């Protein structure tokens, strides 16, 4: 069992979720129940699944939670790309969020490998 608050990947993914909230606040109001809702949900799910998995006593279950977290991050990456292509987010803002997201994805994969090797 890990203290999720001490995991750098959890801290960075919470920071990213906050950035997504502030960024999507600027999206048009008609997107509130569309891509805004989806992006916020996916961004919150990344650290939430890390936290949930860290509470499990089984390393396999923790790895499964990290897999889910990784899947949510790819979902968010797709939503960022769509937002950029339809002009809801600037190229610069998209790039900043994507850079954070790629770093988080690497960190999730690294943590998953570390946990799996401890089995």
PDB file of N, CA and C in Angstrom:
ATOM      1  N   UNK A   1       0.852  -1.177   0.000  1.00  0.00           N
ATOM      2  CA  UNK A   1       0.000   0.000   0.000  1.00  0.00           C
ATOM      3  C   UNK A   1       0.901   1.245   0.000  1.00  0.00           C
ATOM      4  N   UNK A   2       0.554   2.209  -0.840  1.00  0.00           N
ATOM      5  CA  UNK A   2       1.296   3.458  -0.967  1.00  0.00           C
ATOM      6  C   UNK A   2       0.460   4.623  -0.445  1.00  0.00           C
ATOM      7  N   UNK A   3       1.142   5.632   0.058  1.00  0.00           N
ATOM      8  CA  UNK A   3       0.444   6.874   0.373  1.00  0.00           C
ATOM      9  C   UNK A   3       0.399   7.659  -0.932  1.00  0.00           C
ATOM     10  N   UNK A   4      -0.749   7.698  -1.572  1.00  0.00           N
ATOM     11  CA  UNK A   4      -0.873   8.301  -2.891  1.00  0.00           C
ATOM     12  C   UNK A   4      -0.424   9.752  -2.919  1.00  0.00           C
ATOM     13  N   UNK A   5      -0.580  10.476  -1.824  1.00  0.00           N
ATOM     14  CA  UNK A   5      -0.184  11.891  -1.785  1.00  0.00           C
ATOM     15  C   UNK A   5       1.320  12.074  -1.954  1.00  0.00           C
ATOM     16  N   UNK A   6       2.082  11.031  -1.652  1.00  0.00           N
ATOM     17  CA  UNK A   6       3.532  11.097  -1.807  1.00  0.00           C
ATOM     18  C   UNK A   6       4.000  10.702  -3.205  1.00  0.00           C
ATOM     19  N   UNK A   7       3.095  10.213  -4.031  1.00  0.00           N
ATOM     20  CA  UNK A   7       3.461   9.805  -5.391  1.00  0.00           C
ATOM     21  C   UNK A   7       3.512  11.029  -6.315  1.00  0.00           C
ATOM     22  N   UNK A   8       4.674  11.261  -6.917  1.00  0.00           N
ATOM     23  CA  UNK A   8       4.824  12.403  -7.833  1.00  0.00           C
ATOM     24  C   UNK A   8       3.814  12.357  -8.976  1.00  0.00           C
ATOM     25  N   UNK A   9       3.529  11.159  -9.462  1.00  0.00           N
ATOM     26  CA  UNK A   9       2.581  11.033 -10.574  1.00  0.00           C
ATOM     27  C   UNK A   9       1.183  11.473 -10.149  1.00  0.00           C
ATOM     28  N   UNK A  10       0.805  11.187  -8.912  1.00  0.00           N
ATOM     29  CA  UNK A  10      -0.500  11.644  -8.419  1.00  0.00           C
ATOM     30  C   UNK A  10      -0.505  13.167  -8.319  1.00  0.00           C
ATOM     31  N   UNK A  11       0.545  13.748  -7.755  1.00  0.00           N
ATOM     32  CA  UNK A  11       0.641  15.202  -7.603  1.00  0.00           C
ATOM     33  C   UNK A  11       0.567  15.904  -8.950  1.00  0.00           C
ATOM     34  N   UNK A  12       1.328  15.397  -9.922  1.00  0.00           N
ATOM     35  CA  UNK A  12       1.333  16.019 -11.253  1.00  0.00           C
ATOM     36  C   UNK A  12      -0.009  15.852 -11.956  1.00  0.00           C
ATOM     37  N   UNK A  13      -0.661  14.725 -11.737  1.00  0.00           N
ATOM     38  CA  UNK A  13      -1.950  14.520 -12.403  1.00  0.00           C
ATOM     39  C   UNK A  13      -3.052  15.365 -11.768  1.00  0.00           C
ATOM     40  N   UNK A  14      -2.952  15.633 -10.467  1.00  0.00           N
ATOM     41  CA  UNK A  14      -3.895  16.571  -9.838  1.00  0.00           C
ATOM     42  C   UNK A  14      -3.667  17.973 -10.412  1.00  0.00           C
ATOM     43  N   UNK A  15      -2.413  18.359 -10.535  1.00  0.00           N
ATOM     44  CA  UNK A  15      -2.091  19.668 -11.138  1.00  0.00           C
ATOM     45  C   UNK A  15      -2.655  19.777 -12.550  1.00  0.00           C
ATOM     46  N   UNK A  16      -2.533  18.698 -13.307  1.00  0.00           N
ATOM     47  CA  UNK A  16      -3.066  18.705 -14.673  1.00  0.00           C
ATOM     48  C   UNK A  16      -4.585  18.850 -14.660  1.00  0.00           C
ATOM     49  N   UNK A  17      -5.264  18.157 -13.770  1.00  0.00           N
ATOM     50  CA  UNK A  17      -6.727  18.257 -13.688  1.00  0.00           C
ATOM     51  C   UNK A  17      -7.139  19.697 -13.399  1.00  0.00           C
ATOM     52  N   UNK A  18      -6.415  20.362 -12.518  1.00  0.00           N
ATOM     53  CA  UNK A  18      -6.707  21.765 -12.207  1.00  0.00           C
ATOM     54  C   UNK A  18      -6.516  22.628 -13.455  1.00  0.00           C
ATOM     55  N   UNK A  19      -5.442  22.381 -14.191  1.00  0.00           N
ATOM     56  CA  UNK A  19      -5.189  23.134 -15.433  1.00  0.00           C
ATOM     57  C   UNK A  19      -6.304  22.906 -16.449  1.00  0.00           C
ATOM     58  N   UNK A  20      -6.777  21.663 -16.529  1.00  0.00           N
ATOM     59  CA  UNK A  20      -7.864  21.351 -17.463  1.00  0.00           C
ATOM     60  C   UNK A  20      -9.127  22.116 -17.061  1.00  0.00           C
ATOM     61  N   UNK A  21      -9.411  22.177 -15.776  1.00  0.00           N
ATOM     62  CA  UNK A  21     -10.580  22.937 -15.309  1.00  0.00           C
ATOM     63  C   UNK A  21     -10.469  24.401 -15.711  1.00  0.00           C
ATOM     64  N   UNK A  22      -9.319  25.008 -15.478  1.00  0.00           N
ATOM     65  CA  UNK A  22      -9.155  26.422 -15.829  1.00  0.00           C
ATOM     66  C   UNK A  22      -9.199  26.638 -17.339  1.00  0.00           C
ATOM     67  N   UNK A  23      -8.605  25.731 -18.088  1.00  0.00           N
ATOM     68  CA  UNK A  23      -8.589  25.862 -19.544  1.00  0.00           C
ATOM     69  C   UNK A  23      -9.993  25.716 -20.121  1.00  0.00           C
ATOM     70  N   UNK A  24     -10.742  24.720 -19.674  1.00  0.00           N
ATOM     71  CA  UNK A  24     -12.078  24.478 -20.227  1.00  0.00           C
ATOM     72  C   UNK A  24     -13.091  25.525 -19.772  1.00  0.00           C
ATOM     73  N   UNK A  25     -12.743  26.272 -18.738  1.00  0.00           N
ATOM     74  CA  UNK A  25     -13.614  27.360 -18.283  1.00  0.00           C
ATOM     75  C   UNK A  25     -13.789  28.407 -19.393  1.00  0.00           C
ATOM     76  N   UNK A  26     -12.800  28.471 -20.278  1.00  0.00           N
ATOM     77  CA  UNK A  26     -12.820  29.426 -21.387  1.00  0.00           C
ATOM     78  C   UNK A  26     -13.562  28.898 -22.613  1.00  0.00           C
ATOM     79  N   UNK A  27     -13.958  27.650 -22.604  1.00  0.00           N
ATOM     80  CA  UNK A  27     -14.671  27.068 -23.740  1.00  0.00           C
ATOM     81  C   UNK A  27     -16.081  27.659 -23.810  1.00  0.00           C
ATOM     82  N   UNK A  28     -16.693  27.635 -24.985  1.00  0.00           N
ATOM     83  CA  UNK A  28     -18.064  28.151 -25.123  1.00  0.00           C
ATOM     84  C   UNK A  28     -19.048  27.403 -24.213  1.00  0.00           C
ATOM     85  N   UNK A  29     -20.056  28.115 -23.747  1.00  0.00           N
ATOM     86  CA  UNK A  29     -21.025  27.518 -22.817  1.00  0.00           C
ATOM     87  C   UNK A  29     -21.768  26.333 -23.424  1.00  0.00           C
ATOM     88  N   UNK A  30     -21.937  26.301 -24.736  1.00  0.00           N
ATOM     89  CA  UNK A  30     -22.651  25.172 -25.347  1.00  0.00           C
ATOM     90  C   UNK A  30     -21.845  23.872 -25.266  1.00  0.00           C
ATOM     91  N   UNK A  31     -20.568  23.964 -24.903  1.00  0.00           N
ATOM     92  CA  UNK A  31     -19.736  22.774 -24.740  1.00  0.00           C
ATOM     93  C   UNK A  31     -19.732  22.249 -23.298  1.00  0.00           C
ATOM     94  N   UNK A  32     -20.468  22.927 -22.404  1.00  0.00           N
ATOM     95  CA  UNK A  32     -20.469  22.561 -20.984  1.00  0.00           C
ATOM     96  C   UNK A  32     -20.796  21.087 -20.765  1.00  0.00           C
ATOM     97  N   UNK A  33     -21.777  20.569 -21.470  1.00  0.00           N
ATOM     98  CA  UNK A  33     -22.181  19.180 -21.295  1.00  0.00           C
ATOM     99  C   UNK A  33     -21.584  18.273 -22.364  1.00  0.00           C
ATOM    100  N   UNK A  34     -20.720  18.827 -23.186  1.00  0.00           N
ATOM    101  CA  UNK A  34     -20.046  18.057 -24.229  1.00  0.00           C
ATOM    102  C   UNK A  34     -18.609  17.791 -23.852  1.00  0.00           C
ATOM    103  N   UNK A  35     -17.719  18.370 -24.631  1.00  0.00           N
ATOM    104  CA  UNK A  35     -16.295  18.081 -24.454  1.00  0.00           C
ATOM    105  C   UNK A  35     -15.745  18.600 -23.123  1.00  0.00           C
ATOM    106  N   UNK A  36     -16.311  19.683 -22.607  1.00  0.00           N
ATOM    107  CA  UNK A  36     -15.850  20.199 -21.306  1.00  0.00           C
ATOM    108  C   UNK A  36     -16.071  19.145 -20.224  1.00  0.00           C
ATOM    109  N   UNK A  37     -17.255  18.594 -20.191  1.00  0.00           N
ATOM    110  CA  UNK A  37     -17.585  17.577 -19.195  1.00  0.00           C
ATOM    111  C   UNK A  37     -16.689  16.348 -19.348  1.00  0.00           C
ATOM    112  N   UNK A  38     -16.470  15.935 -20.575  1.00  0.00           N
ATOM    113  CA  UNK A  38     -15.650  14.753 -20.825  1.00  0.00           C
ATOM    114  C   UNK A  38     -14.192  14.983 -20.434  1.00  0.00           C
ATOM    115  N   UNK A  39     -13.661  16.159 -20.778  1.00  0.00           N
ATOM    116  CA  UNK A  39     -12.266  16.453 -20.455  1.00  0.00           C
ATOM    117  C   UNK A  39     -12.061  16.555 -18.950  1.00  0.00           C
ATOM    118  N   UNK A  40     -12.989  17.180 -18.282  1.00  0.00           N
ATOM    119  CA  UNK A  40     -12.873  17.306 -16.829  1.00  0.00           C
ATOM    120  C   UNK A  40     -12.976  15.944 -16.154  1.00  0.00           C
ATOM    121  N   UNK A  41     -13.907  15.135 -16.598  1.00  0.00           N
ATOM    122  CA  UNK A  41     -14.073  13.798 -16.020  1.00  0.00           C
ATOM    123  C   UNK A  41     -12.818  12.966 -16.224  1.00  0.00           C
ATOM    124  N   UNK A  42     -12.277  12.978 -17.443  1.00  0.00           N
ATOM    125  CA  UNK A  42     -11.077  12.184 -17.726  1.00  0.00           C
ATOM    126  C   UNK A  42      -9.886  12.679 -16.912  1.00  0.00           C
ATOM    127  N   UNK A  43      -9.740  14.011 -16.814  1.00  0.00           N
ATOM    128  CA  UNK A  43      -8.594  14.554 -16.079  1.00  0.00           C
ATOM    129  C   UNK A  43      -8.675  14.234 -14.588  1.00  0.00           C
ATOM    130  N   UNK A  44      -9.876  14.223 -14.031  1.00  0.00           N
ATOM    131  CA  UNK A  44     -10.059  13.889 -12.624  1.00  0.00           C
ATOM    132  C   UNK A  44      -9.872  12.382 -12.402  1.00  0.00           C
ATOM    133  N   UNK A  45     -10.219  11.585 -13.383  1.00  0.00           N
ATOM    134  CA  UNK A  45     -10.097  10.133 -13.248  1.00  0.00           C
ATOM    135  C   UNK A  45      -8.649   9.670 -13.172  1.00  0.00           C
ATOM    136  N   UNK A  46      -7.731  10.404 -13.791  1.00  0.00           N
ATOM    137  CA  UNK A  46      -6.327   9.981 -13.774  1.00  0.00           C
ATOM    138  C   UNK A  46      -5.809   9.901 -12.335  1.00  0.00           C
ATOM    139  N   UNK A  47      -5.810  11.004 -11.572  1.00  0.00           N
ATOM    140  CA  UNK A  47      -5.311  10.891 -10.194  1.00  0.00           C
ATOM    141  C   UNK A  47      -6.235  10.075  -9.292  1.00  0.00           C
ATOM    142  N   UNK A  48      -7.528  10.085  -9.583  1.00  0.00           N
ATOM    143  CA  UNK A  48      -8.468   9.327  -8.749  1.00  0.00           C
ATOM    144  C   UNK A  48      -8.179   7.836  -8.804  1.00  0.00           C
ATOM    145  N   UNK A  49      -7.893   7.318  -9.977  1.00  0.00           N
ATOM    146  CA  UNK A  49      -7.579   5.893 -10.110  1.00  0.00           C
ATOM    147  C   UNK A  49      -6.233   5.546  -9.502  1.00  0.00           C
ATOM    148  N   UNK A  50      -5.290   6.466  -9.562  1.00  0.00           N
ATOM    149  CA  UNK A  50      -4.005   6.239  -8.886  1.00  0.00           C
ATOM    150  C   UNK A  50      -4.239   6.132  -7.384  1.00  0.00           C
ATOM    151  N   UNK A  51      -5.012   7.058  -6.844  1.00  0.00           N
ATOM    152  CA  UNK A  51      -5.304   7.053  -5.405  1.00  0.00           C
ATOM    153  C   UNK A  51      -6.050   5.787  -5.011  1.00  0.00           C
ATOM    154  N   UNK A  52      -7.063   5.425  -5.775  1.00  0.00           N
ATOM    155  CA  UNK A  52      -7.842   4.233  -5.453  1.00  0.00           C
ATOM    156  C   UNK A  52      -6.970   2.991  -5.466  1.00  0.00           C
ATOM    157  N   UNK A  53      -6.154   2.861  -6.488  1.00  0.00           N
ATOM    158  CA  UNK A  53      -5.293   1.684  -6.602  1.00  0.00           C
ATOM    159  C   UNK A  53      -4.272   1.589  -5.494  1.00  0.00           C
ATOM    160  N   UNK A  54      -3.805   2.732  -5.033  1.00  0.00           N
ATOM    161  CA  UNK A  54      -2.779   2.723  -3.984  1.00  0.00           C
ATOM    162  C   UNK A  54      -3.312   2.167  -2.666  1.00  0.00           C
ATOM    163  N   UNK A  55      -4.613   2.164  -2.496  1.00  0.00           N
ATOM    164  CA  UNK A  55      -5.226   1.665  -1.265  1.00  0.00           C
ATOM    165  C   UNK A  55      -5.394   0.147  -1.278  1.00  0.00           C
ATOM    166  N   UNK A  56      -5.202  -0.456  -2.417  1.00  0.00           N
ATOM    167  CA  UNK A  56      -5.400  -1.900  -2.538  1.00  0.00           C
ATOM    168  C   UNK A  56      -4.186  -2.658  -2.002  1.00  0.00           C
ATOM    169  N   UNK A  57      -4.429  -3.774  -1.400  1.00  0.00           N
ATOM    170  CA  UNK A  57      -3.328  -4.562  -0.842  1.00  0.00           C
ATOM    171  C   UNK A  57      -2.647  -5.422  -1.907  1.00  0.00           C
ATOM    172  N   UNK A  58      -3.305  -5.623  -3.016  1.00  0.00           N
ATOM    173  CA  UNK A  58      -2.749  -6.436  -4.088  1.00  0.00           C
ATOM    174  C   UNK A  58      -2.028  -5.557  -5.117  1.00  0.00           C
ATOM    175  N   UNK A  59      -0.810  -5.949  -5.442  1.00  0.00           N
ATOM    176  CA  UNK A  59      -0.042  -5.224  -6.459  1.00  0.00           C
ATOM    177  C   UNK A  59      -0.717  -5.334  -7.830  1.00  0.00           C
ATOM    178  N   UNK A  60      -1.324  -6.487  -8.086  1.00  0.00           N
ATOM    179  CA  UNK A  60      -2.018  -6.692  -9.360  1.00  0.00           C
ATOM    180  C   UNK A  60      -3.189  -5.717  -9.503  1.00  0.00           C
ATOM    181  N   UNK A  61      -3.931  -5.514  -8.436  1.00  0.00           N
ATOM    182  CA  UNK A  61      -5.076  -4.596  -8.465  1.00  0.00           C
ATOM    183  C   UNK A  61      -4.584  -3.159  -8.634  1.00  0.00           C
ATOM    184  N   UNK A  62      -3.486  -2.814  -7.966  1.00  0.00           N
ATOM    185  CA  UNK A  62      -2.908  -1.481  -8.130  1.00  0.00           C
ATOM    186  C   UNK A  62      -2.491  -1.271  -9.584  1.00  0.00           C
ATOM    187  N   UNK A  63      -1.849  -2.275 -10.177  1.00  0.00           N
ATOM    188  CA  UNK A  63      -1.454  -2.167 -11.590  1.00  0.00           C
ATOM    189  C   UNK A  63      -2.674  -2.000 -12.497  1.00  0.00           C
ATOM    190  N   UNK A  64      -3.765  -2.700 -12.168  1.00  0.00           N
ATOM    191  CA  UNK A  64      -4.996  -2.552 -12.955  1.00  0.00           C
ATOM    192  C   UNK A  64      -5.540  -1.125 -12.846  1.00  0.00           C
ATOM    193  N   UNK A  65      -5.463  -0.542 -11.652  1.00  0.00           N
ATOM    194  CA  UNK A  65      -5.909   0.842 -11.473  1.00  0.00           C
ATOM    195  C   UNK A  65      -5.026   1.801 -12.262  1.00  0.00           C
ATOM    196  N   UNK A  66      -3.737   1.509 -12.308  1.00  0.00           N
ATOM    197  CA  UNK A  66      -2.822   2.342 -13.103  1.00  0.00           C
ATOM    198  C   UNK A  66      -3.129   2.218 -14.590  1.00  0.00           C
ATOM    199  N   UNK A  67      -3.504   1.012 -15.021  1.00  0.00           N
ATOM    200  CA  UNK A  67      -3.931   0.807 -16.423  1.00  0.00           C
ATOM    201  C   UNK A  67      -5.150   1.669 -16.745  1.00  0.00           C
ATOM    202  N   UNK A  68      -6.105   1.688 -15.824  1.00  0.00           N
ATOM    203  CA  UNK A  68      -7.304   2.505 -16.011  1.00  0.00           C
ATOM    204  C   UNK A  68      -6.929   3.978 -16.075  1.00  0.00           C
ATOM    205  N   UNK A  69      -6.046   4.394 -15.190  1.00  0.00           N
ATOM    206  CA  UNK A  69      -5.578   5.774 -15.169  1.00  0.00           C
ATOM    207  C   UNK A  69      -4.904   6.131 -16.496  1.00  0.00           C
ATOM    208  N   UNK A  70      -4.094   5.226 -16.999  1.00  0.00           N
ATOM    209  CA  UNK A  70      -3.422   5.445 -18.273  1.00  0.00           C
ATOM    210  C   UNK A  70      -4.442   5.564 -19.407  1.00  0.00           C
ATOM    211  N   UNK A  71      -5.445   4.711 -19.383  1.00  0.00           N
ATOM    212  CA  UNK A  71      -6.505   4.782 -20.400  1.00  0.00           C
ATOM    213  C   UNK A  71      -7.227   6.114 -20.368  1.00  0.00           C
ATOM    214  N   UNK A  72      -7.510   6.605 -19.180  1.00  0.00           N
ATOM    215  CA  UNK A  72      -8.165   7.911 -19.043  1.00  0.00           C
ATOM    216  C   UNK A  72      -7.266   9.022 -19.583  1.00  0.00           C
ATOM    217  N   UNK A  73      -5.961   8.884 -19.382  1.00  0.00           N
ATOM    218  CA  UNK A  73      -5.041   9.911 -19.883  1.00  0.00           C
ATOM    219  C   UNK A  73      -5.031   9.932 -21.413  1.00  0.00           C
ATOM    220  N   UNK A  74      -5.134   8.759 -22.039  1.00  0.00           N
ATOM    221  CA  UNK A  74      -5.196   8.716 -23.501  1.00  0.00           C
ATOM    222  C   UNK A  74      -6.525   9.276 -24.008  1.00  0.00           C
ATOM    223  N   UNK A  75      -7.572   9.051 -23.245  1.00  0.00           N
ATOM    224  CA  UNK A  75      -8.866   9.646 -23.576  1.00  0.00           C
ATOM    225  C   UNK A  75      -8.754  11.173 -23.543  1.00  0.00           C
ATOM    226  N   UNK A  76      -8.128  11.704 -22.497  1.00  0.00           N
ATOM    227  CA  UNK A  76      -7.933  13.151 -22.387  1.00  0.00           C
ATOM    228  C   UNK A  76      -7.061  13.671 -23.519  1.00  0.00           C
ATOM    229  N   UNK A  77      -6.042  12.927 -23.882  1.00  0.00           N
ATOM    230  CA  UNK A  77      -5.173  13.337 -24.989  1.00  0.00           C
ATOM    231  C   UNK A  77      -5.962  13.453 -26.298  1.00  0.00           C
ATOM    232  N   UNK A  78      -6.862  12.531 -26.511  1.00  0.00           N
ATOM    233  CA  UNK A  78      -7.723  12.567 -27.702  1.00  0.00           C
ATOM    234  C   UNK A  78      -8.652  13.779 -27.669  1.00  0.00           C
ATOM    235  N   UNK A  79      -9.225  14.058 -26.514  1.00  0.00           N
ATOM    236  CA  UNK A  79     -10.127  15.199 -26.372  1.00  0.00           C
ATOM    237  C   UNK A  79      -9.383  16.520 -26.562  1.00  0.00           C
ATOM    238  N   UNK A  80      -8.140  16.578 -26.120  1.00  0.00           N
ATOM    239  CA  UNK A  80      -7.320  17.779 -26.349  1.00  0.00           C
ATOM    240  C   UNK A  80      -7.084  17.978 -27.841  1.00  0.00           C
ATOM    241  N   UNK A  81      -6.795  16.905 -28.525  1.00  0.00           N
ATOM    242  CA  UNK A  81      -6.554  16.987 -29.979  1.00  0.00           C
ATOM    243  C   UNK A  81      -7.805  17.465 -30.710  1.00  0.00           C
ATOM    244  N   UNK A  82      -8.944  16.924 -30.341  1.00  0.00           N
ATOM    245  CA  UNK A  82     -10.202  17.343 -30.974  1.00  0.00           C
ATOM    246  C   UNK A  82     -10.463  18.819 -30.674  1.00  0.00           C
ATOM    247  N   UNK A  83     -10.260  19.219 -29.430  1.00  0.00           N
ATOM    248  CA  UNK A  83     -10.471  20.619 -29.037  1.00  0.00           C
ATOM    249  C   UNK A  83      -9.582  21.556 -29.836  1.00  0.00           C
ATOM    250  N   UNK A  84      -8.352  21.124 -30.059  1.00  0.00           N
ATOM    251  CA  UNK A  84      -7.417  21.933 -30.849  1.00  0.00           C
ATOM    252  C   UNK A  84      -7.882  22.024 -32.306  1.00  0.00           C
ATOM    253  N   UNK A  85      -8.273  20.907 -32.866  1.00  0.00           N
ATOM    254  CA  UNK A  85      -8.663  20.877 -34.286  1.00  0.00           C
ATOM    255  C   UNK A  85      -9.928  21.682 -34.577  1.00  0.00           C
ATOM    256  N   UNK A  86     -10.829  21.757 -33.613  1.00  0.00           N
ATOM    257  CA  UNK A  86     -12.058  22.529 -33.849  1.00  0.00           C
ATOM    258  C   UNK A  86     -11.948  23.964 -33.335  1.00  0.00           C
ATOM    259  N   UNK A  87     -10.775  24.324 -32.835  1.00  0.00           N
ATOM    260  CA  UNK A  87     -10.527  25.707 -32.447  1.00  0.00           C
ATOM    261  C   UNK A  87     -11.016  26.106 -31.065  1.00  0.00           C
ATOM    262  N   UNK A  88     -11.230  25.126 -30.184  1.00  0.00           N
ATOM    263  CA  UNK A  88     -11.658  25.451 -28.824  1.00  0.00           C
ATOM    264  C   UNK A  88     -10.486  25.801 -27.920  1.00  0.00           C
ATOM    265  N   UNK A  89      -9.295  25.354 -28.303  1.00  0.00           N
ATOM    266  CA  UNK A  89      -8.100  25.588 -27.512  1.00  0.00           C
ATOM    267  C   UNK A  89      -6.966  25.989 -28.452  1.00  0.00           C
ATOM    268  N   UNK A  90      -6.140  26.899 -27.994  1.00  0.00           N
ATOM    269  CA  UNK A  90      -5.032  27.358 -28.833  1.00  0.00           C
ATOM    270  C   UNK A  90      -3.972  26.269 -28.955  1.00  0.00           C
ATOM    271  N   UNK A  91      -3.175  26.384 -29.984  1.00  0.00           N
ATOM    272  CA  UNK A  91      -2.063  25.455 -30.202  1.00  0.00           C
ATOM    273  C   UNK A  91      -1.126  25.469 -28.994  1.00  0.00           C
ATOM    274  N   UNK A  92      -0.845  26.657 -28.482  1.00  0.00           N
ATOM    275  CA  UNK A  92       0.073  26.818 -27.350  1.00  0.00           C
ATOM    276  C   UNK A  92      -0.478  26.140 -26.092  1.00  0.00           C
ATOM    277  N   UNK A  93      -1.735  26.428 -25.754  1.00  0.00           N
ATOM    278  CA  UNK A  93      -2.334  25.828 -24.563  1.00  0.00           C
ATOM    279  C   UNK A  93      -2.436  24.307 -24.685  1.00  0.00           C
ATOM    280  N   UNK A  94      -2.770  23.856 -25.875  1.00  0.00           N
ATOM    281  CA  UNK A  94      -2.859  22.421 -26.118  1.00  0.00           C
ATOM    282  C   UNK A  94      -1.494  21.764 -25.926  1.00  0.00           C
ATOM    283  N   UNK A  95      -0.473  22.385 -26.456  1.00  0.00           N
ATOM    284  CA  UNK A  95       0.881  21.838 -26.349  1.00  0.00           C
ATOM    285  C   UNK A  95       1.338  21.756 -24.887  1.00  0.00           C
ATOM    286  N   UNK A  96       1.034  22.787 -24.106  1.00  0.00           N
ATOM    287  CA  UNK A  96       1.410  22.784 -22.691  1.00  0.00           C
ATOM    288  C   UNK A  96       0.734  21.636 -21.949  1.00  0.00           C
ATOM    289  N   UNK A  97      -0.561  21.457 -22.187  1.00  0.00           N
ATOM    290  CA  UNK A  97      -1.296  20.381 -21.516  1.00  0.00           C
ATOM    291  C   UNK A  97      -0.823  19.012 -21.994  1.00  0.00           C
ATOM    292  N   UNK A  98      -0.575  18.895 -23.295  1.00  0.00           N
ATOM    293  CA  UNK A  98      -0.115  17.621 -23.845  1.00  0.00           C
ATOM    294  C   UNK A  98       1.261  17.249 -23.305  1.00  0.00           C
ATOM    295  N   UNK A  99       2.144  18.224 -23.140  1.00  0.00           N
ATOM    296  CA  UNK A  99       3.467  17.942 -22.569  1.00  0.00           C
ATOM    297  C   UNK A  99       3.332  17.393 -21.156  1.00  0.00           C
ATOM    298  N   UNK A 100       2.473  18.012 -20.356  1.00  0.00           N
ATOM    299  CA  UNK A 100       2.220  17.511 -18.998  1.00  0.00           C
ATOM    300  C   UNK A 100       1.653  16.095 -19.051  1.00  0.00           C
ATOM    301  N   UNK A 101       0.738  15.888 -19.964  1.00  0.00           N
ATOM    302  CA  UNK A 101       0.067  14.597 -20.078  1.00  0.00           C
ATOM    303  C   UNK A 101       1.039  13.490 -20.476  1.00  0.00           C
ATOM    304  N   UNK A 102       1.915  13.770 -21.422  1.00  0.00           N
ATOM    305  CA  UNK A 102       2.899  12.780 -21.853  1.00  0.00           C
ATOM    306  C   UNK A 102       3.828  12.418 -20.693  1.00  0.00           C
ATOM    307  N   UNK A 103       4.235  13.410 -19.911  1.00  0.00           N
ATOM    308  CA  UNK A 103       5.078  13.145 -18.746  1.00  0.00           C
ATOM    309  C   UNK A 103       4.340  12.250 -17.747  1.00  0.00           C
ATOM    310  N   UNK A 104       3.069  12.528 -17.520  1.00  0.00           N
ATOM    311  CA  UNK A 104       2.271  11.723 -16.591  1.00  0.00           C
ATOM    312  C   UNK A 104       2.122  10.295 -17.111  1.00  0.00           C
ATOM    313  N   UNK A 105       1.909  10.144 -18.405  1.00  0.00           N
ATOM    314  CA  UNK A 105       1.791   8.805 -18.994  1.00  0.00           C
ATOM    315  C   UNK A 105       3.074   8.010 -18.791  1.00  0.00           C
ATOM    316  N   UNK A 106       4.214   8.661 -18.978  1.00  0.00           N
ATOM    317  CA  UNK A 106       5.504   7.984 -18.744  1.00  0.00           C
ATOM    318  C   UNK A 106       5.638   7.579 -17.272  1.00  0.00           C
ATOM    319  N   UNK A 107       5.227   8.475 -16.390  1.00  0.00           N
ATOM    320  CA  UNK A 107       5.331   8.199 -14.960  1.00  0.00           C
ATOM    321  C   UNK A 107       4.419   7.043 -14.544  1.00  0.00           C
ATOM    322  N   UNK A 108       3.223   7.001 -15.108  1.00  0.00           N
ATOM    323  CA  UNK A 108       2.301   5.890 -14.807  1.00  0.00           C
ATOM    324  C   UNK A 108       2.921   4.579 -15.276  1.00  0.00           C
ATOM    325  N   UNK A 109       3.445   4.572 -16.489  1.00  0.00           N
ATOM    326  CA  UNK A 109       4.072   3.352 -17.002  1.00  0.00           C
ATOM    327  C   UNK A 109       5.259   2.934 -16.144  1.00  0.00           C
ATOM    328  N   UNK A 110       6.050   3.911 -15.709  1.00  0.00           N
ATOM    329  CA  UNK A 110       7.192   3.612 -14.848  1.00  0.00           C
ATOM    330  C   UNK A 110       6.774   3.026 -13.517  1.00  0.00           C
ATOM    331  N   UNK A 111       5.753   3.611 -12.903  1.00  0.00           N
ATOM    332  CA  UNK A 111       5.255   3.117 -11.620  1.00  0.00           C
ATOM    333  C   UNK A 111       4.695   1.718 -11.788  1.00  0.00           C
ATOM    334  N   UNK A 112       3.969   1.505 -12.866  1.00  0.00           N
ATOM    335  CA  UNK A 112       3.387   0.200 -13.135  1.00  0.00           C
ATOM    336  C   UNK A 112       4.488  -0.861 -13.288  1.00  0.00           C
ATOM    337  N   UNK A 113       5.529  -0.534 -14.004  1.00  0.00           N
ATOM    338  CA  UNK A 113       6.656  -1.464 -14.182  1.00  0.00           C
ATOM    339  C   UNK A 113       7.349  -1.753 -12.856  1.00  0.00           C
ATOM    340  N   UNK A 114       7.518  -0.722 -12.060  1.00  0.00           N
ATOM    341  CA  UNK A 114       8.173  -0.880 -10.745  1.00  0.00           C
ATOM    342  C   UNK A 114       7.357  -1.808  -9.852  1.00  0.00           C
ATOM    343  N   UNK A 115       6.065  -1.593  -9.812  1.00  0.00           N
ATOM    344  CA  UNK A 115       5.189  -2.414  -8.968  1.00  0.00           C
ATOM    345  C   UNK A 115       5.163  -3.862  -9.462  1.00  0.00           C
ATOM    346  N   UNK A 116       5.059  -4.020 -10.777  1.00  0.00           N
ATOM    347  CA  UNK A 116       5.002  -5.361 -11.358  1.00  0.00           C
ATOM    348  C   UNK A 116       6.300  -6.144 -11.089  1.00  0.00           C
ATOM    349  N   UNK A 117       7.437  -5.445 -11.088  1.00  0.00           N
ATOM    350  CA  UNK A 117       8.719  -6.123 -10.864  1.00  0.00           C
ATOM    351  C   UNK A 117       8.917  -6.518  -9.402  1.00  0.00           C
ATOM    352  N   UNK A 118       8.137  -5.931  -8.505  1.00  0.00           N
ATOM    353  CA  UNK A 118       8.237  -6.258  -7.082  1.00  0.00           C
ATOM    354  C   UNK A 118       7.468  -7.517  -6.724  1.00  0.00           C
ATOM    355  N   UNK A 119       6.712  -8.014  -7.679  1.00  0.00           N
ATOM    356  CA  UNK A 119       5.874  -9.197  -7.402  1.00  0.00           C
ATOM    357  C   UNK A 119       6.689 -10.436  -7.171  1.00  0.00           C
TER     358      UNK A 119
END
